[in-house]
Amino acid sequence: MAYDKFNILKTSAVPLPIENVDTDQIIPARFLKATERKGFGDNLFRDWRYNSDDSPKQDFILNNPIYSGKILVGGKNFGSGSSREHAAWAIYDYGFRCVVSSFFADIFRNNCLNIGVLPVQVSPEFLDRIFQSIEADPNTLFEVNLPDQSITILSTGEQELFDINDYKKENLLNGFDDIDYLLNIKEDIREFAKSRPL
């Protein structure tokens, strides 16, 4: 498997109510030299998390111990900017399995889906309710149900459905990337090839 299977995620969330977060803010360009997916989480939001002397910035949300969980909740237009896949790698490597926003940049959304991070796009109104719930109680639990394509604020029962491409959904449920998917159907491919004229 390319990554852990995604089915139902029940966890608290980390709020980042900032609009137009771009991929250079998610993972600065100077950290793109590595070709493996490991280690990028250390530099997730690097310039927002750390001072120039590498000391943590106390006012940044990831440095606040009251917030934790496997869901990152961002503002509108999350993941804009360059197409670097490393931004999705950094989010996954840090420990997030889901990003929630009211709008995602298309390339960022696809990069997330390819490596095991579920981008959940909700209405602006529901996004506000999520932020309000976390502000009222940082330990608020959310349930992201991929089979049902729903996200629920468990403390209130408020729920919204989200869209996802059927192929990407199946891959997430199985922990497949595109190569894993092809390997999984290799016998079907062989049979199809045999049926074709030479």
N, C-alpha and C. Protein backbone atom coordinates (compact mmCIF):
# COMPACT_ATOMS: atom_id res chain seq x y z
N MET A 1 0.83 -1.20 0.00
CA MET A 1 0.00 0.00 0.00
C MET A 1 0.87 1.25 0.00
N ALA A 2 0.41 2.25 -0.70
CA ALA A 2 1.14 3.52 -0.76
C ALA A 2 0.99 4.31 0.53
N TYR A 3 -0.16 4.14 1.20
CA TYR A 3 -0.44 4.88 2.43
C TYR A 3 -1.52 4.13 3.19
N ASP A 4 -1.80 4.56 4.41
CA ASP A 4 -2.82 3.91 5.22
C ASP A 4 -4.20 4.09 4.58
N LYS A 5 -5.01 3.04 4.68
CA LYS A 5 -6.37 3.13 4.16
C LYS A 5 -7.15 4.21 4.91
N PHE A 6 -8.05 4.86 4.19
CA PHE A 6 -8.91 5.88 4.79
C PHE A 6 -10.34 5.37 4.74
N ASN A 7 -10.99 5.29 5.91
CA ASN A 7 -12.39 4.85 5.94
C ASN A 7 -13.22 5.87 6.72
N ILE A 8 -13.22 5.74 8.04
CA ILE A 8 -13.90 6.70 8.91
C ILE A 8 -12.87 7.28 9.88
N LEU A 9 -12.75 8.59 9.88
CA LEU A 9 -11.80 9.28 10.74
C LEU A 9 -12.55 10.05 11.80
N LYS A 10 -12.28 9.73 13.07
CA LYS A 10 -12.91 10.43 14.18
C LYS A 10 -11.79 11.06 15.01
N THR A 11 -11.76 12.38 15.03
CA THR A 11 -10.63 13.07 15.66
C THR A 11 -10.98 14.53 15.92
N SER A 12 -10.15 15.18 16.74
CA SER A 12 -10.25 16.63 16.89
C SER A 12 -9.56 17.29 15.69
N ALA A 13 -9.55 18.60 15.66
CA ALA A 13 -9.03 19.30 14.49
C ALA A 13 -8.20 20.52 14.90
N VAL A 14 -7.31 20.90 13.99
CA VAL A 14 -6.46 22.08 14.19
C VAL A 14 -6.97 23.19 13.28
N PRO A 15 -7.36 24.34 13.83
CA PRO A 15 -7.92 25.42 13.00
C PRO A 15 -6.85 26.36 12.45
N LEU A 16 -6.97 26.67 11.17
CA LEU A 16 -6.09 27.64 10.55
C LEU A 16 -6.97 28.56 9.70
N PRO A 17 -7.67 29.50 10.35
CA PRO A 17 -8.66 30.33 9.65
C PRO A 17 -8.03 31.45 8.84
N ILE A 18 -7.18 31.06 7.90
CA ILE A 18 -6.50 32.02 7.03
C ILE A 18 -6.87 31.68 5.59
N GLU A 19 -7.30 32.68 4.83
CA GLU A 19 -7.66 32.46 3.43
C GLU A 19 -6.42 32.55 2.54
N ASN A 20 -6.53 31.90 1.37
CA ASN A 20 -5.49 31.97 0.33
C ASN A 20 -4.14 31.46 0.81
N VAL A 21 -4.14 30.39 1.59
CA VAL A 21 -2.88 29.76 2.00
C VAL A 21 -2.29 29.07 0.78
N ASP A 22 -1.08 29.49 0.36
CA ASP A 22 -0.51 28.89 -0.85
C ASP A 22 0.54 27.83 -0.50
N THR A 23 0.97 27.13 -1.53
CA THR A 23 1.85 25.98 -1.30
C THR A 23 3.23 26.41 -0.81
N ASP A 24 3.66 27.64 -1.10
CA ASP A 24 4.95 28.10 -0.60
C ASP A 24 4.88 28.38 0.90
N GLN A 25 3.70 28.72 1.39
CA GLN A 25 3.53 28.88 2.83
C GLN A 25 3.43 27.51 3.51
N ILE A 26 2.81 26.56 2.81
CA ILE A 26 2.69 25.20 3.36
C ILE A 26 4.06 24.55 3.48
N ILE A 27 4.86 24.63 2.41
CA ILE A 27 6.23 24.09 2.45
C ILE A 27 7.11 25.01 1.59
N PRO A 28 7.94 25.85 2.22
CA PRO A 28 8.78 26.80 1.47
C PRO A 28 9.69 26.10 0.45
N ALA A 29 9.97 26.80 -0.64
CA ALA A 29 10.69 26.22 -1.77
C ALA A 29 12.06 25.67 -1.39
N ARG A 30 12.71 26.24 -0.38
CA ARG A 30 14.06 25.80 -0.04
C ARG A 30 14.09 24.38 0.55
N PHE A 31 12.91 23.81 0.83
CA PHE A 31 12.86 22.47 1.40
C PHE A 31 12.41 21.42 0.38
N LEU A 32 12.49 21.74 -0.90
CA LEU A 32 11.96 20.84 -1.92
C LEU A 32 13.01 19.94 -2.55
N LYS A 33 14.19 19.89 -1.99
CA LYS A 33 15.28 19.13 -2.61
C LYS A 33 15.10 17.62 -2.49
N ALA A 34 14.48 17.16 -1.43
CA ALA A 34 14.33 15.72 -1.22
C ALA A 34 13.35 15.13 -2.24
N THR A 35 13.56 13.87 -2.58
CA THR A 35 12.68 13.20 -3.55
C THR A 35 11.79 12.16 -2.89
N GLU A 36 12.04 11.84 -1.62
CA GLU A 36 11.17 10.94 -0.88
C GLU A 36 10.18 11.75 -0.06
N ARG A 37 9.09 11.10 0.35
CA ARG A 37 8.03 11.82 1.04
C ARG A 37 8.31 12.03 2.53
N LYS A 38 9.39 11.48 3.04
CA LYS A 38 9.64 11.53 4.47
C LYS A 38 10.32 12.84 4.88
N GLY A 39 9.98 13.30 6.09
CA GLY A 39 10.66 14.43 6.68
C GLY A 39 10.08 15.79 6.37
N PHE A 40 9.11 15.85 5.46
CA PHE A 40 8.55 17.16 5.09
C PHE A 40 7.68 17.75 6.20
N GLY A 41 7.13 16.90 7.06
CA GLY A 41 6.29 17.40 8.14
C GLY A 41 7.03 18.31 9.09
N ASP A 42 8.35 18.11 9.22
CA ASP A 42 9.15 18.97 10.10
C ASP A 42 9.14 20.41 9.62
N ASN A 43 8.92 20.61 8.33
CA ASN A 43 8.97 21.95 7.76
C ASN A 43 7.62 22.44 7.27
N LEU A 44 6.55 21.77 7.69
CA LEU A 44 5.21 22.24 7.37
C LEU A 44 5.00 23.63 7.98
N PHE A 45 4.59 24.58 7.17
CA PHE A 45 4.42 25.98 7.60
C PHE A 45 5.66 26.51 8.30
N ARG A 46 6.81 26.14 7.79
CA ARG A 46 8.08 26.44 8.46
C ARG A 46 8.23 27.91 8.86
N ASP A 47 7.97 28.81 7.91
CA ASP A 47 8.20 30.23 8.20
C ASP A 47 7.15 30.82 9.13
N TRP A 48 6.02 30.15 9.24
CA TRP A 48 4.99 30.58 10.19
C TRP A 48 5.22 29.95 11.56
N ARG A 49 5.85 28.77 11.59
CA ARG A 49 6.04 28.05 12.85
C ARG A 49 7.28 28.48 13.62
N TYR A 50 8.33 28.91 12.88
CA TYR A 50 9.62 29.15 13.54
C TYR A 50 10.19 30.53 13.23
N ASN A 51 10.92 31.05 14.19
CA ASN A 51 11.69 32.27 13.99
C ASN A 51 12.96 31.95 13.22
N SER A 52 13.72 32.98 12.85
CA SER A 52 14.95 32.76 12.08
C SER A 52 16.00 31.96 12.86
N ASP A 53 15.90 31.96 14.20
CA ASP A 53 16.84 31.18 15.01
C ASP A 53 16.31 29.79 15.33
N ASP A 54 15.23 29.37 14.60
CA ASP A 54 14.60 28.05 14.75
C ASP A 54 13.81 27.86 16.04
N SER A 55 13.62 28.93 16.79
CA SER A 55 12.77 28.83 17.98
C SER A 55 11.31 28.91 17.54
N PRO A 56 10.41 28.15 18.19
CA PRO A 56 9.00 28.15 17.78
C PRO A 56 8.33 29.50 18.03
N LYS A 57 7.49 29.92 17.11
CA LYS A 57 6.69 31.12 17.30
C LYS A 57 5.47 30.74 18.14
N GLN A 58 5.40 31.29 19.32
CA GLN A 58 4.40 30.86 20.29
C GLN A 58 2.96 31.13 19.83
N ASP A 59 2.78 32.11 18.94
CA ASP A 59 1.42 32.46 18.56
C ASP A 59 0.90 31.68 17.35
N PHE A 60 1.74 30.77 16.79
CA PHE A 60 1.26 29.99 15.65
C PHE A 60 0.53 28.75 16.13
N ILE A 61 -0.55 28.42 15.43
CA ILE A 61 -1.49 27.41 15.89
C ILE A 61 -0.85 26.04 16.10
N LEU A 62 0.10 25.63 15.25
CA LEU A 62 0.71 24.30 15.41
C LEU A 62 1.62 24.23 16.63
N ASN A 63 1.97 25.39 17.17
CA ASN A 63 2.80 25.42 18.38
C ASN A 63 1.97 25.56 19.65
N ASN A 64 0.65 25.53 19.49
CA ASN A 64 -0.25 25.65 20.64
C ASN A 64 -0.71 24.25 21.05
N PRO A 65 -0.30 23.77 22.22
CA PRO A 65 -0.60 22.38 22.61
C PRO A 65 -2.08 22.09 22.85
N ILE A 66 -2.93 23.11 22.92
CA ILE A 66 -4.35 22.81 23.16
C ILE A 66 -5.03 22.30 21.89
N TYR A 67 -4.36 22.48 20.73
CA TYR A 67 -4.95 22.00 19.48
C TYR A 67 -4.21 20.76 18.99
N SER A 68 -4.96 19.76 18.60
CA SER A 68 -4.36 18.53 18.07
C SER A 68 -5.39 17.84 17.20
N GLY A 69 -4.98 16.76 16.59
CA GLY A 69 -5.90 15.98 15.77
C GLY A 69 -5.37 15.75 14.38
N LYS A 70 -6.08 14.94 13.61
CA LYS A 70 -5.64 14.56 12.28
C LYS A 70 -6.37 15.31 11.17
N ILE A 71 -7.13 16.34 11.56
CA ILE A 71 -7.82 17.19 10.58
C ILE A 71 -7.25 18.60 10.68
N LEU A 72 -6.89 19.17 9.53
CA LEU A 72 -6.48 20.56 9.45
C LEU A 72 -7.63 21.33 8.80
N VAL A 73 -8.11 22.36 9.46
CA VAL A 73 -9.22 23.15 8.93
C VAL A 73 -8.67 24.49 8.46
N GLY A 74 -8.72 24.71 7.16
CA GLY A 74 -8.16 25.93 6.58
C GLY A 74 -9.23 26.87 6.06
N GLY A 75 -8.82 28.09 5.77
CA GLY A 75 -9.73 29.07 5.19
C GLY A 75 -9.95 28.82 3.71
N LYS A 76 -10.73 29.69 3.09
CA LYS A 76 -11.07 29.56 1.67
C LYS A 76 -9.82 29.64 0.79
N ASN A 77 -9.84 28.88 -0.31
CA ASN A 77 -8.77 28.86 -1.31
C ASN A 77 -7.48 28.31 -0.71
N PHE A 78 -7.58 27.13 -0.13
CA PHE A 78 -6.42 26.49 0.49
C PHE A 78 -5.62 25.75 -0.58
N GLY A 79 -4.29 25.93 -0.57
CA GLY A 79 -3.42 25.20 -1.48
C GLY A 79 -3.23 25.87 -2.83
N SER A 80 -3.41 27.17 -2.90
CA SER A 80 -3.21 27.89 -4.16
C SER A 80 -1.71 28.03 -4.43
N GLY A 81 -1.38 28.60 -5.58
CA GLY A 81 0.03 28.82 -5.89
C GLY A 81 0.61 27.72 -6.74
N SER A 82 1.89 27.41 -6.54
CA SER A 82 2.60 26.45 -7.38
C SER A 82 2.04 25.04 -7.20
N SER A 83 2.41 24.18 -8.14
CA SER A 83 1.82 22.83 -8.17
C SER A 83 2.61 21.81 -7.35
N ARG A 84 3.53 22.25 -6.53
CA ARG A 84 4.42 21.32 -5.81
C ARG A 84 3.66 20.27 -5.01
N GLU A 85 3.94 19.01 -5.30
CA GLU A 85 3.32 17.90 -4.58
C GLU A 85 3.82 17.84 -3.14
N HIS A 86 4.98 18.44 -2.90
CA HIS A 86 5.58 18.41 -1.57
C HIS A 86 4.67 19.03 -0.51
N ALA A 87 3.77 19.94 -0.92
CA ALA A 87 2.85 20.54 0.05
C ALA A 87 1.93 19.48 0.64
N ALA A 88 1.42 18.60 -0.21
CA ALA A 88 0.58 17.49 0.27
C ALA A 88 1.42 16.52 1.09
N TRP A 89 2.66 16.25 0.65
CA TRP A 89 3.54 15.37 1.42
C TRP A 89 3.76 15.90 2.83
N ALA A 90 3.98 17.22 2.95
CA ALA A 90 4.25 17.82 4.26
C ALA A 90 3.05 17.67 5.18
N ILE A 91 1.86 17.86 4.64
CA ILE A 91 0.65 17.73 5.45
C ILE A 91 0.48 16.29 5.93
N TYR A 92 0.68 15.33 5.03
CA TYR A 92 0.56 13.92 5.39
C TYR A 92 1.64 13.52 6.40
N ASP A 93 2.88 13.95 6.13
CA ASP A 93 4.00 13.56 6.99
C ASP A 93 3.87 14.15 8.39
N TYR A 94 3.23 15.31 8.51
CA TYR A 94 3.01 15.91 9.83
C TYR A 94 2.02 15.09 10.65
N GLY A 95 1.11 14.41 9.96
CA GLY A 95 0.13 13.58 10.67
C GLY A 95 -1.31 13.86 10.33
N PHE A 96 -1.55 14.84 9.46
CA PHE A 96 -2.92 15.13 9.04
C PHE A 96 -3.36 14.13 7.98
N ARG A 97 -4.61 13.65 8.09
CA ARG A 97 -5.17 12.77 7.06
C ARG A 97 -6.30 13.44 6.30
N CYS A 98 -6.71 14.61 6.76
CA CYS A 98 -7.83 15.31 6.13
C CYS A 98 -7.61 16.81 6.25
N VAL A 99 -7.92 17.53 5.17
CA VAL A 99 -7.92 18.99 5.18
C VAL A 99 -9.32 19.45 4.81
N VAL A 100 -9.87 20.35 5.58
CA VAL A 100 -11.22 20.88 5.33
C VAL A 100 -11.12 22.34 4.94
N SER A 101 -11.84 22.73 3.91
CA SER A 101 -11.88 24.12 3.49
C SER A 101 -13.16 24.34 2.69
N SER A 102 -13.47 25.60 2.42
CA SER A 102 -14.63 25.89 1.58
C SER A 102 -14.25 25.95 0.10
N PHE A 103 -12.93 25.92 -0.19
CA PHE A 103 -12.48 25.87 -1.58
C PHE A 103 -11.01 25.46 -1.61
N PHE A 104 -10.69 24.54 -2.53
CA PHE A 104 -9.31 24.09 -2.73
C PHE A 104 -8.84 24.42 -4.14
N ALA A 105 -7.56 24.73 -4.27
CA ALA A 105 -6.95 24.81 -5.59
C ALA A 105 -6.95 23.40 -6.17
N ASP A 106 -7.28 23.27 -7.47
CA ASP A 106 -7.46 21.95 -8.08
C ASP A 106 -6.22 21.08 -8.01
N ILE A 107 -5.05 21.63 -8.33
CA ILE A 107 -3.83 20.81 -8.34
C ILE A 107 -3.52 20.33 -6.93
N PHE A 108 -3.67 21.20 -5.95
CA PHE A 108 -3.42 20.79 -4.57
C PHE A 108 -4.39 19.68 -4.17
N ARG A 109 -5.65 19.82 -4.52
CA ARG A 109 -6.65 18.80 -4.19
C ARG A 109 -6.23 17.44 -4.76
N ASN A 110 -5.83 17.43 -6.03
CA ASN A 110 -5.44 16.18 -6.66
C ASN A 110 -4.17 15.61 -6.05
N ASN A 111 -3.23 16.46 -5.71
CA ASN A 111 -2.01 15.98 -5.05
C ASN A 111 -2.33 15.31 -3.72
N CYS A 112 -3.25 15.90 -2.97
CA CYS A 112 -3.67 15.29 -1.70
C CYS A 112 -4.28 13.92 -1.93
N LEU A 113 -5.20 13.83 -2.87
CA LEU A 113 -5.88 12.57 -3.14
C LEU A 113 -4.91 11.49 -3.59
N ASN A 114 -3.83 11.88 -4.25
CA ASN A 114 -2.86 10.90 -4.74
C ASN A 114 -1.99 10.31 -3.64
N ILE A 115 -1.92 10.98 -2.49
CA ILE A 115 -0.99 10.49 -1.46
C ILE A 115 -1.66 10.19 -0.12
N GLY A 116 -3.00 10.16 -0.09
CA GLY A 116 -3.68 9.71 1.11
C GLY A 116 -4.24 10.76 2.03
N VAL A 117 -4.27 12.02 1.58
CA VAL A 117 -4.90 13.08 2.36
C VAL A 117 -6.25 13.39 1.72
N LEU A 118 -7.31 13.36 2.51
CA LEU A 118 -8.65 13.61 1.98
C LEU A 118 -8.99 15.10 2.07
N PRO A 119 -9.14 15.80 0.93
CA PRO A 119 -9.60 17.18 0.96
C PRO A 119 -11.13 17.22 0.99
N VAL A 120 -11.68 17.78 2.05
CA VAL A 120 -13.14 17.85 2.20
C VAL A 120 -13.58 19.29 2.00
N GLN A 121 -14.29 19.53 0.90
CA GLN A 121 -14.78 20.88 0.62
C GLN A 121 -16.20 21.01 1.13
N VAL A 122 -16.40 22.01 2.00
CA VAL A 122 -17.71 22.25 2.61
C VAL A 122 -18.18 23.65 2.25
N SER A 123 -19.41 23.95 2.58
CA SER A 123 -19.94 25.29 2.33
C SER A 123 -19.28 26.30 3.28
N PRO A 124 -19.23 27.57 2.89
CA PRO A 124 -18.67 28.58 3.79
C PRO A 124 -19.38 28.61 5.15
N GLU A 125 -20.69 28.36 5.14
CA GLU A 125 -21.46 28.37 6.39
C GLU A 125 -21.05 27.23 7.30
N PHE A 126 -20.87 26.05 6.73
CA PHE A 126 -20.47 24.90 7.56
C PHE A 126 -19.04 25.07 8.04
N LEU A 127 -18.19 25.65 7.20
CA LEU A 127 -16.82 25.91 7.63
C LEU A 127 -16.81 26.84 8.85
N ASP A 128 -17.64 27.86 8.82
CA ASP A 128 -17.75 28.76 9.97
C ASP A 128 -18.19 28.02 11.22
N ARG A 129 -19.13 27.07 11.06
CA ARG A 129 -19.61 26.30 12.20
C ARG A 129 -18.49 25.43 12.77
N ILE A 130 -17.65 24.90 11.91
CA ILE A 130 -16.52 24.10 12.37
C ILE A 130 -15.56 24.96 13.18
N PHE A 131 -15.21 26.13 12.65
CA PHE A 131 -14.31 27.03 13.38
C PHE A 131 -14.92 27.44 14.73
N GLN A 132 -16.21 27.73 14.74
CA GLN A 132 -16.89 28.11 15.98
C GLN A 132 -16.86 26.97 17.00
N SER A 133 -17.05 25.76 16.54
CA SER A 133 -17.05 24.60 17.43
C SER A 133 -15.68 24.40 18.07
N ILE A 134 -14.63 24.57 17.27
CA ILE A 134 -13.27 24.41 17.80
C ILE A 134 -12.94 25.54 18.77
N GLU A 135 -13.39 26.75 18.45
CA GLU A 135 -13.14 27.88 19.35
C GLU A 135 -13.83 27.67 20.69
N ALA A 136 -15.04 27.11 20.65
CA ALA A 136 -15.77 26.85 21.89
C ALA A 136 -15.14 25.73 22.70
N ASP A 137 -14.59 24.73 22.00
CA ASP A 137 -13.96 23.59 22.67
C ASP A 137 -12.91 22.99 21.74
N PRO A 138 -11.63 23.23 22.03
CA PRO A 138 -10.57 22.70 21.17
C PRO A 138 -10.57 21.18 21.05
N ASN A 139 -11.23 20.50 21.98
CA ASN A 139 -11.28 19.04 21.94
C ASN A 139 -12.50 18.50 21.18
N THR A 140 -13.25 19.40 20.55
CA THR A 140 -14.41 18.97 19.77
C THR A 140 -14.01 17.89 18.78
N LEU A 141 -14.81 16.84 18.71
CA LEU A 141 -14.53 15.74 17.79
C LEU A 141 -15.36 15.88 16.52
N PHE A 142 -14.74 15.47 15.42
CA PHE A 142 -15.39 15.45 14.12
C PHE A 142 -15.29 14.05 13.55
N GLU A 143 -16.26 13.69 12.76
CA GLU A 143 -16.21 12.41 12.07
C GLU A 143 -16.24 12.66 10.56
N VAL A 144 -15.22 12.19 9.90
CA VAL A 144 -15.16 12.25 8.44
C VAL A 144 -15.39 10.82 7.95
N ASN A 145 -16.53 10.62 7.31
CA ASN A 145 -16.94 9.30 6.85
C ASN A 145 -16.79 9.25 5.34
N LEU A 146 -15.73 8.60 4.86
CA LEU A 146 -15.49 8.56 3.43
C LEU A 146 -16.53 7.71 2.69
N PRO A 147 -16.91 6.52 3.19
CA PRO A 147 -17.94 5.75 2.47
C PRO A 147 -19.23 6.54 2.26
N ASP A 148 -19.65 7.29 3.30
CA ASP A 148 -20.89 8.08 3.19
C ASP A 148 -20.66 9.47 2.62
N GLN A 149 -19.38 9.85 2.48
CA GLN A 149 -18.99 11.19 2.01
C GLN A 149 -19.63 12.28 2.87
N SER A 150 -19.44 12.15 4.18
CA SER A 150 -20.02 13.11 5.12
C SER A 150 -19.00 13.54 6.15
N ILE A 151 -19.19 14.76 6.67
CA ILE A 151 -18.41 15.25 7.80
C ILE A 151 -19.40 15.74 8.84
N THR A 152 -19.16 15.33 10.10
CA THR A 152 -20.11 15.60 11.18
C THR A 152 -19.40 16.25 12.35
N ILE A 153 -20.00 17.30 12.90
CA ILE A 153 -19.55 17.87 14.18
C ILE A 153 -20.25 17.04 15.25
N LEU A 154 -19.53 16.18 15.93
CA LEU A 154 -20.16 15.19 16.80
C LEU A 154 -20.85 15.82 18.01
N SER A 155 -20.39 16.97 18.46
CA SER A 155 -21.00 17.59 19.65
C SER A 155 -22.40 18.11 19.36
N THR A 156 -22.67 18.44 18.10
CA THR A 156 -23.98 19.01 17.76
C THR A 156 -24.77 18.13 16.79
N GLY A 157 -24.09 17.21 16.14
CA GLY A 157 -24.75 16.37 15.14
C GLY A 157 -24.88 17.05 13.78
N GLU A 158 -24.40 18.28 13.66
CA GLU A 158 -24.48 18.97 12.36
C GLU A 158 -23.61 18.22 11.36
N GLN A 159 -24.15 18.09 10.14
CA GLN A 159 -23.47 17.27 9.15
C GLN A 159 -23.59 17.90 7.77
N GLU A 160 -22.57 17.66 6.96
CA GLU A 160 -22.64 18.09 5.56
C GLU A 160 -21.98 17.02 4.70
N LEU A 161 -22.50 16.85 3.50
CA LEU A 161 -21.94 15.89 2.55
C LEU A 161 -20.89 16.59 1.69
N PHE A 162 -19.94 15.80 1.17
CA PHE A 162 -18.92 16.36 0.29
C PHE A 162 -18.78 15.47 -0.94
N ASP A 163 -18.25 16.06 -2.00
CA ASP A 163 -18.05 15.34 -3.25
C ASP A 163 -16.64 14.78 -3.34
N ILE A 164 -16.50 13.66 -4.05
CA ILE A 164 -15.19 13.11 -4.34
C ILE A 164 -15.31 12.24 -5.58
N ASN A 165 -14.30 12.27 -6.42
CA ASN A 165 -14.23 11.42 -7.60
C ASN A 165 -14.28 9.95 -7.19
N ASP A 166 -15.10 9.15 -7.89
CA ASP A 166 -15.28 7.74 -7.51
C ASP A 166 -13.97 6.96 -7.52
N TYR A 167 -13.14 7.20 -8.52
CA TYR A 167 -11.85 6.51 -8.63
C TYR A 167 -10.94 6.85 -7.45
N LYS A 168 -10.86 8.14 -7.12
CA LYS A 168 -10.02 8.56 -6.00
C LYS A 168 -10.58 8.04 -4.67
N LYS A 169 -11.88 8.01 -4.56
CA LYS A 169 -12.51 7.47 -3.35
C LYS A 169 -12.12 6.02 -3.15
N GLU A 170 -12.22 5.23 -4.21
CA GLU A 170 -11.88 3.81 -4.11
C GLU A 170 -10.42 3.62 -3.75
N ASN A 171 -9.56 4.44 -4.33
CA ASN A 171 -8.14 4.35 -4.00
C ASN A 171 -7.88 4.68 -2.54
N LEU A 172 -8.51 5.73 -2.02
CA LEU A 172 -8.34 6.08 -0.61
C LEU A 172 -8.82 4.97 0.31
N LEU A 173 -9.94 4.38 -0.02
CA LEU A 173 -10.48 3.29 0.81
C LEU A 173 -9.53 2.10 0.86
N ASN A 174 -8.77 1.91 -0.22
CA ASN A 174 -7.85 0.77 -0.30
C ASN A 174 -6.40 1.13 0.01
N GLY A 175 -6.11 2.42 0.18
CA GLY A 175 -4.74 2.84 0.41
C GLY A 175 -3.88 2.76 -0.83
N PHE A 176 -4.50 2.93 -1.99
CA PHE A 176 -3.80 2.81 -3.27
C PHE A 176 -3.41 4.18 -3.82
N ASP A 177 -2.20 4.25 -4.41
CA ASP A 177 -1.93 5.34 -5.33
C ASP A 177 -2.19 4.80 -6.73
N ASP A 178 -1.89 5.60 -7.76
CA ASP A 178 -2.23 5.17 -9.12
C ASP A 178 -1.50 3.89 -9.52
N ILE A 179 -0.25 3.74 -9.09
CA ILE A 179 0.51 2.53 -9.42
C ILE A 179 -0.08 1.31 -8.71
N ASP A 180 -0.42 1.47 -7.43
CA ASP A 180 -1.04 0.37 -6.70
C ASP A 180 -2.33 -0.09 -7.39
N TYR A 181 -3.11 0.88 -7.85
CA TYR A 181 -4.37 0.55 -8.52
C TYR A 181 -4.11 -0.31 -9.76
N LEU A 182 -3.14 0.10 -10.56
CA LEU A 182 -2.82 -0.68 -11.76
C LEU A 182 -2.30 -2.06 -11.42
N LEU A 183 -1.46 -2.16 -10.40
CA LEU A 183 -0.96 -3.47 -9.99
C LEU A 183 -2.09 -4.37 -9.50
N ASN A 184 -3.09 -3.75 -8.87
CA ASN A 184 -4.21 -4.52 -8.34
C ASN A 184 -5.07 -5.13 -9.45
N ILE A 185 -5.07 -4.50 -10.63
CA ILE A 185 -5.89 -5.01 -11.73
C ILE A 185 -5.02 -5.57 -12.86
N LYS A 186 -3.79 -5.96 -12.53
CA LYS A 186 -2.88 -6.41 -13.59
C LYS A 186 -3.39 -7.65 -14.32
N GLU A 187 -4.09 -8.56 -13.60
CA GLU A 187 -4.64 -9.73 -14.28
C GLU A 187 -5.72 -9.33 -15.27
N ASP A 188 -6.54 -8.36 -14.91
CA ASP A 188 -7.55 -7.86 -15.84
C ASP A 188 -6.90 -7.23 -17.06
N ILE A 189 -5.80 -6.53 -16.83
CA ILE A 189 -5.08 -5.89 -17.93
C ILE A 189 -4.50 -6.96 -18.86
N ARG A 190 -3.93 -8.01 -18.26
CA ARG A 190 -3.38 -9.10 -19.07
C ARG A 190 -4.47 -9.76 -19.92
N GLU A 191 -5.61 -10.03 -19.30
CA GLU A 191 -6.71 -10.66 -20.04
C GLU A 191 -7.21 -9.77 -21.16
N PHE A 192 -7.29 -8.48 -20.88
CA PHE A 192 -7.71 -7.54 -21.92
C PHE A 192 -6.70 -7.53 -23.07
N ALA A 193 -5.40 -7.53 -22.73
CA ALA A 193 -4.36 -7.51 -23.76
C ALA A 193 -4.43 -8.76 -24.63
N LYS A 194 -4.73 -9.91 -24.02
CA LYS A 194 -4.83 -11.16 -24.78
C LYS A 194 -5.99 -11.11 -25.79
N SER A 195 -7.01 -10.36 -25.45
CA SER A 195 -8.20 -10.30 -26.31
C SER A 195 -8.02 -9.36 -27.50
N ARG A 196 -6.95 -8.60 -27.49
CA ARG A 196 -6.71 -7.63 -28.57
C ARG A 196 -5.95 -8.29 -29.71
N PRO A 197 -6.27 -7.95 -30.94
CA PRO A 197 -5.54 -8.51 -32.07
C PRO A 197 -4.09 -8.03 -32.07
N LEU A 198 -3.20 -8.89 -32.51
CA LEU A 198 -1.78 -8.53 -32.57
C LEU A 198 -1.50 -7.58 -33.72
